[in-house]
Amino acid sequence: MNIKKWLKKSIKRLSSVDNPKYEAEFLLSYVSKCTRSFIISSDDIELTQKQYEYLNYLIYRRSLGEPIAYITKEKEFWSLSLCVSYDTLIPRPDTEILVEQVLSKIKSNSVLILDLGTGCGAISLALASMCSDWNIIGIDKSEKALTIARINANKLNIKNVTFFCSNWFSNINQKFNIIVSNPPYISNKEIIFFKKDIFFEPFDALISGNNGLSDIKNIVKNAENYLFRGGWLLIEHGWKQKLQVQYLFRKYNFVEIESYKDYGGNDRVTIGKKYDK
């Protein structure tokens, strides 16, 4: 079967996804190791039997809702190519807003940053890639996720990040200039309305109690003890949670509280500064 016929057939099989043509071409590019532009301009080329069978297997997985990032075991974030697995969340473009806000608060080369719930290491590695003098610690309660984070650090040859196991602050015994986190913030009731893709991701990295605010409250409540004077806390949250998160920041003595929108125009990140008593 040639590329043109395979694409036509596969686009129909992916009719339930948002952009079936792009995704079919992406998977074809992944398997053939050819660029999408080459594929589009050379659609009369015949697929080998091995390519045909493997591509159909990948299309089948995608048709069931499995995210492409898990199929290819890779996702780009902050222009970094990151390994991902079923033990890690897939980094979202909107989380780059969190990275941008951290960068806006760094005023010197001597800075200590804590990334809570690092997963595949996306936030830690994005920040570390910007300056080799910054010292960053990424923690997660999942050893399997930390294994992926370390693989990414080695692959990218990033040396100024340390990853270790901690359930939020349980194994933290020092202070930082900046604490950043993309914690679980989806409620049990809310998740049923998401696309089926999300059900392939680790639920304990997605779902939080108390209407999605339990982990955020835990972090905000305790962060003061782990920040230097004038240190900053930055948290990603759900698009309906801005007011509740701002309330928690005020309740636990943060000042200069601001919220920022994601690329879709939804409230996504709230930041605050430790009050200098």
Foldseek 3Di string as FASTA:
>chain_A
DFQVVLLVVLLVLQVVDDDSNVVLLVLLCLLVVHDSVCCVVPRRHDDDPVSSVVSVVLSVCVSVQADVCQVSQWDDELNAIAGAHLAFDHDDNQCVVLLVVVVVPDDDLEFEEEEEACQLNRSVVSNLVVHVSYAYEYEHQDPVSQVRNVVSCVVVVRDRYHYDYDNGCRPPDAAGQEYEYAAAQAAPVRVVPDPPNCVSHDVNRHYDPPRRCHVLLVCLQPNLVRYDAFGKYKYWYDLVCVVVSVVSNVVNAWPPWDWDAGPVRGTTMIMTTHDDD
